Amino acid sequence: MKILHLDSSPFTTGSVSRELSAMIVAELCARNPGAEVTYRDLGVTPPPHLSAAAMSLLHNAQDEVITPQLQAELDGIYQSIEELTACDVLVIGAPMYNHAVPSNLKAWIDQVCQKGKTFRYTPQGVIGLIPGKTAFIASTRGGVYSTEEGKLHDFQEPYLTSILELMGVSDCHIIRAEGVSRQAIGREKGLAQGRETLLQILNA
């Protein structure tokens, strides 16, 4: 089993999403002793936002001059796509920021979600080109967004599951720790709920 583990919180200490994603990876490795883990810290080393030149080249433009800076950007994009393509399991540490995902995680998604590489258009609709993978999203929120009212403001989990399905990753599990900033729930209870969800999925 090859695991691609992504963290996106800029906080290196005290991050609930980092703790939850690490918990997921540790449980997967305990159940699969031969697992190989590739780790990407998008919070500490965020990928660059796509430049116009890189987007043009990725969409088969022929008139772009490849400067050393552009080549470095392209190399990073292709490496990210290769890591995603090679993995069997994807684990994403994804805290909610302003009802959505952190911009560094969005930048990584914009790099790997590329027409002709991870999905393609057909007369029958969009086809994902990296099927057969399992994804675990370590979703953390300070408030509670799993209620009917809360879902109206949730552009984090629906976005991640939608974009993964676009690329063919339909086996996607939300491991959620929410209400971690609420006095009635808090960090430890939120993490315990996330762990309970994870064990239920893995033991099913």
C-alpha atoms as a PDB file:
ATOM      1  CA  MET A   1       0.000   0.000   0.000  1.00  0.00           C
ATOM      2  CA  LYS A   2       1.277   3.456  -0.961  1.00  0.00           C
ATOM      3  CA  ILE A   3      -0.089   6.331   1.107  1.00  0.00           C
ATOM      4  CA  LEU A   4       0.099   9.994   0.111  1.00  0.00           C
ATOM      5  CA  HIS A   5      -0.283  12.082   3.270  1.00  0.00           C
ATOM      6  CA  LEU A   6      -0.974  15.803   2.908  1.00  0.00           C
ATOM      7  CA  ASP A   7      -1.217  18.392   5.659  1.00  0.00           C
ATOM      8  CA  SER A   8      -2.374  21.913   4.876  1.00  0.00           C
ATOM      9  CA  SER A   9      -2.570  23.728   8.211  1.00  0.00           C
ATOM     10  CA  PRO A  10       0.076  26.470   8.548  1.00  0.00           C
ATOM     11  CA  PHE A  11       0.243  25.674  12.273  1.00  0.00           C
ATOM     12  CA  THR A  12       2.980  23.159  13.040  1.00  0.00           C
ATOM     13  CA  THR A  13       1.937  22.799  16.687  1.00  0.00           C
ATOM     14  CA  GLY A  14      -1.537  22.658  18.124  1.00  0.00           C
ATOM     15  CA  SER A  15      -3.126  21.800  14.773  1.00  0.00           C
ATOM     16  CA  VAL A  16      -6.164  19.540  15.108  1.00  0.00           C
ATOM     17  CA  SER A  17      -6.113  18.613  11.412  1.00  0.00           C
ATOM     18  CA  ARG A  18      -2.466  17.539  11.643  1.00  0.00           C
ATOM     19  CA  GLU A  19      -3.224  15.395  14.678  1.00  0.00           C
ATOM     20  CA  LEU A  20      -6.255  13.842  13.002  1.00  0.00           C
ATOM     21  CA  SER A  21      -4.491  13.127   9.691  1.00  0.00           C
ATOM     22  CA  ALA A  22      -1.531  11.608  11.572  1.00  0.00           C
ATOM     23  CA  MET A  23      -3.984   9.407  13.490  1.00  0.00           C
ATOM     24  CA  ILE A  24      -5.451   8.155  10.219  1.00  0.00           C
ATOM     25  CA  VAL A  25      -2.040   7.377   8.718  1.00  0.00           C
ATOM     26  CA  ALA A  26      -0.867   5.647  11.918  1.00  0.00           C
ATOM     27  CA  GLU A  27      -3.953   3.416  11.955  1.00  0.00           C
ATOM     28  CA  LEU A  28      -3.550   2.547   8.276  1.00  0.00           C
ATOM     29  CA  CYS A  29       0.144   1.698   8.773  1.00  0.00           C
ATOM     30  CA  ALA A  30      -0.653  -0.431  11.834  1.00  0.00           C
ATOM     31  CA  ARG A  31      -3.080  -2.465   9.738  1.00  0.00           C
ATOM     32  CA  ASN A  32      -0.752  -2.572   6.711  1.00  0.00           C
ATOM     33  CA  PRO A  33       2.815  -3.036   8.030  1.00  0.00           C
ATOM     34  CA  GLY A  34       4.383  -2.772   4.576  1.00  0.00           C
ATOM     35  CA  ALA A  35       2.770   0.553   3.773  1.00  0.00           C
ATOM     36  CA  GLU A  36       4.928   3.263   2.193  1.00  0.00           C
ATOM     37  CA  VAL A  37       4.123   6.862   3.123  1.00  0.00           C
ATOM     38  CA  THR A  38       4.926   9.931   1.041  1.00  0.00           C
ATOM     39  CA  TYR A  39       4.408  13.086   3.093  1.00  0.00           C
ATOM     40  CA  ARG A  40       3.737  16.569   1.767  1.00  0.00           C
ATOM     41  CA  ASP A  41       3.489  19.511   4.146  1.00  0.00           C
ATOM     42  CA  LEU A  42       1.508  22.064   2.174  1.00  0.00           C
ATOM     43  CA  GLY A  43       1.200  24.252   5.245  1.00  0.00           C
ATOM     44  CA  VAL A  44       4.946  24.727   5.732  1.00  0.00           C
ATOM     45  CA  THR A  45       5.897  24.519   2.047  1.00  0.00           C
ATOM     46  CA  PRO A  46       2.858  25.672   0.073  1.00  0.00           C
ATOM     47  CA  PRO A  47       2.855  25.049  -3.670  1.00  0.00           C
ATOM     48  CA  PRO A  48       2.767  28.128  -5.881  1.00  0.00           C
ATOM     49  CA  HIS A  49      -0.507  29.240  -7.362  1.00  0.00           C
ATOM     50  CA  LEU A  50      -0.724  28.314 -11.031  1.00  0.00           C
ATOM     51  CA  SER A  51       0.771  30.928 -13.314  1.00  0.00           C
ATOM     52  CA  ALA A  52      -0.803  31.842 -16.638  1.00  0.00           C
ATOM     53  CA  ALA A  53       2.238  30.414 -18.463  1.00  0.00           C
ATOM     54  CA  ALA A  54       2.007  27.068 -16.671  1.00  0.00           C
ATOM     55  CA  MET A  55      -1.731  26.821 -17.315  1.00  0.00           C
ATOM     56  CA  SER A  56      -1.182  27.585 -20.995  1.00  0.00           C
ATOM     57  CA  LEU A  57       1.485  24.902 -21.348  1.00  0.00           C
ATOM     58  CA  LEU A  58      -0.581  22.349 -19.454  1.00  0.00           C
ATOM     59  CA  HIS A  59      -3.369  23.059 -21.937  1.00  0.00           C
ATOM     60  CA  ASN A  60      -1.006  22.354 -24.848  1.00  0.00           C
ATOM     61  CA  ALA A  61      -0.052  25.895 -25.824  1.00  0.00           C
ATOM     62  CA  GLN A  62       3.045  25.928 -28.035  1.00  0.00           C
ATOM     63  CA  ASP A  63       4.134  29.549 -27.855  1.00  0.00           C
ATOM     64  CA  GLU A  64       5.271  29.831 -24.237  1.00  0.00           C
ATOM     65  CA  VAL A  65       8.940  30.494 -23.523  1.00  0.00           C
ATOM     66  CA  ILE A  66      10.073  28.081 -20.815  1.00  0.00           C
ATOM     67  CA  THR A  67      12.139  30.119 -18.391  1.00  0.00           C
ATOM     68  CA  PRO A  68      13.986  28.483 -15.469  1.00  0.00           C
ATOM     69  CA  GLN A  69      11.261  29.770 -13.134  1.00  0.00           C
ATOM     70  CA  LEU A  70       8.516  28.274 -15.301  1.00  0.00           C
ATOM     71  CA  GLN A  71      10.404  24.973 -15.602  1.00  0.00           C
ATOM     72  CA  ALA A  72      10.672  24.769 -11.800  1.00  0.00           C
ATOM     73  CA  GLU A  73       6.923  25.366 -11.515  1.00  0.00           C
ATOM     74  CA  LEU A  74       6.170  22.687 -14.108  1.00  0.00           C
ATOM     75  CA  ASP A  75       8.518  20.211 -12.405  1.00  0.00           C
ATOM     76  CA  GLY A  76       6.648  20.733  -9.142  1.00  0.00           C
ATOM     77  CA  ILE A  77       3.284  20.234 -10.820  1.00  0.00           C
ATOM     78  CA  TYR A  78       4.350  17.012 -12.536  1.00  0.00           C
ATOM     79  CA  GLN A  79       5.848  15.708  -9.297  1.00  0.00           C
ATOM     80  CA  SER A  80       2.586  16.355  -7.462  1.00  0.00           C
ATOM     81  CA  ILE A  81       0.589  14.611 -10.192  1.00  0.00           C
ATOM     82  CA  GLU A  82       2.996  11.664 -10.145  1.00  0.00           C
ATOM     83  CA  GLU A  83       2.718  11.310  -6.360  1.00  0.00           C
ATOM     84  CA  LEU A  84      -1.075  11.384  -6.536  1.00  0.00           C
ATOM     85  CA  THR A  85      -1.200   8.928  -9.424  1.00  0.00           C
ATOM     86  CA  ALA A  86       1.164   6.498  -7.679  1.00  0.00           C
ATOM     87  CA  CYS A  87      -0.669   6.338  -4.341  1.00  0.00           C
ATOM     88  CA  ASP A  88      -3.294   3.792  -3.329  1.00  0.00           C
ATOM     89  CA  VAL A  89      -4.584   5.842  -0.404  1.00  0.00           C
ATOM     90  CA  LEU A  90      -4.784   9.604  -0.083  1.00  0.00           C
ATOM     91  CA  VAL A  91      -4.988  11.238   3.354  1.00  0.00           C
ATOM     92  CA  ILE A  92      -5.691  14.974   3.424  1.00  0.00           C
ATOM     93  CA  GLY A  93      -5.482  17.097   6.537  1.00  0.00           C
ATOM     94  CA  ALA A  94      -8.034  19.792   5.714  1.00  0.00           C
ATOM     95  CA  PRO A  95      -9.023  22.408   8.285  1.00  0.00           C
ATOM     96  CA  MET A  96     -11.963  24.654   7.443  1.00  0.00           C
ATOM     97  CA  TYR A  97     -10.910  28.236   6.742  1.00  0.00           C
ATOM     98  CA  ASN A  98     -13.666  30.770   6.115  1.00  0.00           C
ATOM     99  CA  HIS A  99     -16.176  28.039   5.221  1.00  0.00           C
ATOM    100  CA  ALA A 100     -13.751  26.448   2.723  1.00  0.00           C
ATOM    101  CA  VAL A 101     -10.251  24.947   2.465  1.00  0.00           C
ATOM    102  CA  PRO A 102      -6.910  26.734   3.048  1.00  0.00           C
ATOM    103  CA  SER A 103      -5.534  28.410  -0.062  1.00  0.00           C
ATOM    104  CA  ASN A 104      -2.393  26.246  -0.003  1.00  0.00           C
ATOM    105  CA  LEU A 105      -4.530  23.102  -0.316  1.00  0.00           C
ATOM    106  CA  LYS A 106      -6.518  24.734  -3.116  1.00  0.00           C
ATOM    107  CA  ALA A 107      -3.219  25.533  -4.882  1.00  0.00           C
ATOM    108  CA  TRP A 108      -2.196  21.851  -4.712  1.00  0.00           C
ATOM    109  CA  ILE A 109      -5.604  20.800  -6.070  1.00  0.00           C
ATOM    110  CA  ASP A 110      -5.264  23.263  -8.941  1.00  0.00           C
ATOM    111  CA  GLN A 111      -1.895  21.695  -9.758  1.00  0.00           C
ATOM    112  CA  VAL A 112      -3.039  18.064  -9.815  1.00  0.00           C
ATOM    113  CA  CYS A 113      -6.546  18.468 -11.220  1.00  0.00           C
ATOM    114  CA  GLN A 114      -5.530  18.798 -14.855  1.00  0.00           C
ATOM    115  CA  LYS A 115      -7.471  17.948 -18.003  1.00  0.00           C
ATOM    116  CA  GLY A 116      -5.841  15.066 -19.851  1.00  0.00           C
ATOM    117  CA  LYS A 117      -3.806  14.001 -16.833  1.00  0.00           C
ATOM    118  CA  THR A 118      -6.194  13.273 -13.965  1.00  0.00           C
ATOM    119  CA  PHE A 119      -9.513  13.680 -15.796  1.00  0.00           C
ATOM    120  CA  ARG A 120     -10.787  14.054 -19.342  1.00  0.00           C
ATOM    121  CA  TYR A 121     -13.891  15.210 -21.138  1.00  0.00           C
ATOM    122  CA  THR A 122     -15.879  12.795 -23.313  1.00  0.00           C
ATOM    123  CA  PRO A 123     -19.208  13.022 -25.156  1.00  0.00           C
ATOM    124  CA  GLN A 124     -20.654  11.032 -22.250  1.00  0.00           C
ATOM    125  CA  GLY A 125     -19.287  13.443 -19.645  1.00  0.00           C
ATOM    126  CA  VAL A 126     -16.196  13.786 -17.489  1.00  0.00           C
ATOM    127  CA  ILE A 127     -14.133  10.660 -16.767  1.00  0.00           C
ATOM    128  CA  GLY A 128     -11.656  10.503 -13.901  1.00  0.00           C
ATOM    129  CA  LEU A 129      -8.269   9.108 -14.878  1.00  0.00           C
ATOM    130  CA  ILE A 130      -7.054   8.006 -11.414  1.00  0.00           C
ATOM    131  CA  PRO A 131      -9.756   5.594 -10.197  1.00  0.00           C
ATOM    132  CA  GLY A 132      -9.333   2.784  -7.684  1.00  0.00           C
ATOM    133  CA  LYS A 133      -7.946   4.917  -4.864  1.00  0.00           C
ATOM    134  CA  THR A 134      -9.306   5.468  -1.382  1.00  0.00           C
ATOM    135  CA  ALA A 135      -9.289   8.920   0.197  1.00  0.00           C
ATOM    136  CA  PHE A 136      -9.576   9.937   3.840  1.00  0.00           C
ATOM    137  CA  ILE A 137     -10.260  13.596   4.533  1.00  0.00           C
ATOM    138  CA  ALA A 138      -9.286  14.720   8.032  1.00  0.00           C
ATOM    139  CA  SER A 139     -11.867  17.476   8.240  1.00  0.00           C
ATOM    140  CA  THR A 140     -11.611  19.844  11.200  1.00  0.00           C
ATOM    141  CA  ARG A 141     -13.838  22.775  12.072  1.00  0.00           C
ATOM    142  CA  GLY A 142     -14.006  25.129  15.001  1.00  0.00           C
ATOM    143  CA  GLY A 143     -17.788  25.234  14.745  1.00  0.00           C
ATOM    144  CA  VAL A 144     -20.437  22.668  13.877  1.00  0.00           C
ATOM    145  CA  TYR A 145     -21.345  22.432  10.186  1.00  0.00           C
ATOM    146  CA  SER A 146     -22.900  18.967   9.944  1.00  0.00           C
ATOM    147  CA  THR A 147     -26.343  20.312  10.878  1.00  0.00           C
ATOM    148  CA  GLU A 148     -28.841  21.267   8.186  1.00  0.00           C
ATOM    149  CA  GLU A 149     -28.203  24.951   8.882  1.00  0.00           C
ATOM    150  CA  GLY A 150     -24.441  24.437   9.027  1.00  0.00           C
ATOM    151  CA  LYS A 151     -24.344  22.632   5.677  1.00  0.00           C
ATOM    152  CA  LEU A 152     -25.493  25.835   3.972  1.00  0.00           C
ATOM    153  CA  HIS A 153     -22.096  27.325   4.833  1.00  0.00           C
ATOM    154  CA  ASP A 154     -19.933  24.256   4.222  1.00  0.00           C
ATOM    155  CA  PHE A 155     -17.802  24.661   1.108  1.00  0.00           C
ATOM    156  CA  GLN A 156     -15.004  22.499   2.520  1.00  0.00           C
ATOM    157  CA  GLU A 157     -16.125  18.860   2.574  1.00  0.00           C
ATOM    158  CA  PRO A 158     -18.455  19.061  -0.476  1.00  0.00           C
ATOM    159  CA  TYR A 159     -15.708  20.731  -2.521  1.00  0.00           C
ATOM    160  CA  LEU A 160     -13.083  18.130  -1.610  1.00  0.00           C
ATOM    161  CA  THR A 161     -15.335  15.136  -2.286  1.00  0.00           C
ATOM    162  CA  SER A 162     -16.512  16.691  -5.561  1.00  0.00           C
ATOM    163  CA  ILE A 163     -13.029  17.451  -6.891  1.00  0.00           C
ATOM    164  CA  LEU A 164     -11.740  14.005  -5.917  1.00  0.00           C
ATOM    165  CA  GLU A 165     -14.674  12.356  -7.668  1.00  0.00           C
ATOM    166  CA  LEU A 166     -13.931  14.456 -10.761  1.00  0.00           C
ATOM    167  CA  MET A 167     -10.529  12.745 -10.900  1.00  0.00           C
ATOM    168  CA  GLY A 168     -12.060   9.294 -10.315  1.00  0.00           C
ATOM    169  CA  VAL A 169     -11.542   8.996  -6.555  1.00  0.00           C
ATOM    170  CA  SER A 170     -15.080   8.082  -5.520  1.00  0.00           C
ATOM    171  CA  ASP A 171     -14.177   5.982  -2.449  1.00  0.00           C
ATOM    172  CA  CYS A 172     -13.863   8.997  -0.178  1.00  0.00           C
ATOM    173  CA  HIS A 173     -14.346   9.026   3.598  1.00  0.00           C
ATOM    174  CA  ILE A 174     -14.816  12.076   5.799  1.00  0.00           C
ATOM    175  CA  ILE A 175     -13.127  11.728   9.184  1.00  0.00           C
ATOM    176  CA  ARG A 176     -14.508  14.750  10.991  1.00  0.00           C
ATOM    177  CA  ALA A 177     -13.560  16.568  14.171  1.00  0.00           C
ATOM    178  CA  GLU A 178     -15.844  19.562  14.482  1.00  0.00           C
ATOM    179  CA  GLY A 179     -16.847  21.925  17.226  1.00  0.00           C
ATOM    180  CA  VAL A 180     -13.255  21.905  18.469  1.00  0.00           C
ATOM    181  CA  SER A 181     -13.530  25.571  19.445  1.00  0.00           C
ATOM    182  CA  ARG A 182     -16.858  25.065  21.207  1.00  0.00           C
ATOM    183  CA  GLN A 183     -16.763  24.729  24.964  1.00  0.00           C
ATOM    184  CA  ALA A 184     -19.393  21.976  24.899  1.00  0.00           C
ATOM    185  CA  ILE A 185     -17.320  19.840  22.505  1.00  0.00           C
ATOM    186  CA  GLY A 186     -13.690  20.904  22.339  1.00  0.00           C
ATOM    187  CA  ARG A 187     -10.554  19.442  20.850  1.00  0.00           C
ATOM    188  CA  GLU A 188     -10.395  16.094  22.652  1.00  0.00           C
ATOM    189  CA  LYS A 189     -14.049  15.198  22.137  1.00  0.00           C
ATOM    190  CA  GLY A 190     -13.847  16.237  18.485  1.00  0.00           C
ATOM    191  CA  LEU A 191     -10.771  14.075  17.901  1.00  0.00           C
ATOM    192  CA  ALA A 192     -12.393  11.156  19.721  1.00  0.00           C
ATOM    193  CA  GLN A 193     -15.401  11.413  17.419  1.00  0.00           C
ATOM    194  CA  GLY A 194     -13.074  11.421  14.426  1.00  0.00           C
ATOM    195  CA  ARG A 195     -11.254   8.337  15.663  1.00  0.00           C
ATOM    196  CA  GLU A 196     -14.537   6.532  16.262  1.00  0.00           C
ATOM    197  CA  THR A 197     -15.616   7.270  12.670  1.00  0.00           C
ATOM    198  CA  LEU A 198     -12.271   6.039  11.330  1.00  0.00           C
ATOM    199  CA  LEU A 199     -12.425   2.753  13.240  1.00  0.00           C
ATOM    200  CA  GLN A 200     -16.012   2.141  12.112  1.00  0.00           C
ATOM    201  CA  ILE A 201     -14.969   2.563   8.475  1.00  0.00           C
ATOM    202  CA  LEU A 202     -11.825   0.404   8.747  1.00  0.00           C
ATOM    203  CA  ASN A 203     -13.587  -2.322  10.705  1.00  0.00           C
ATOM    204  CA  ALA A 204     -16.575  -2.498   8.353  1.00  0.00           C
END
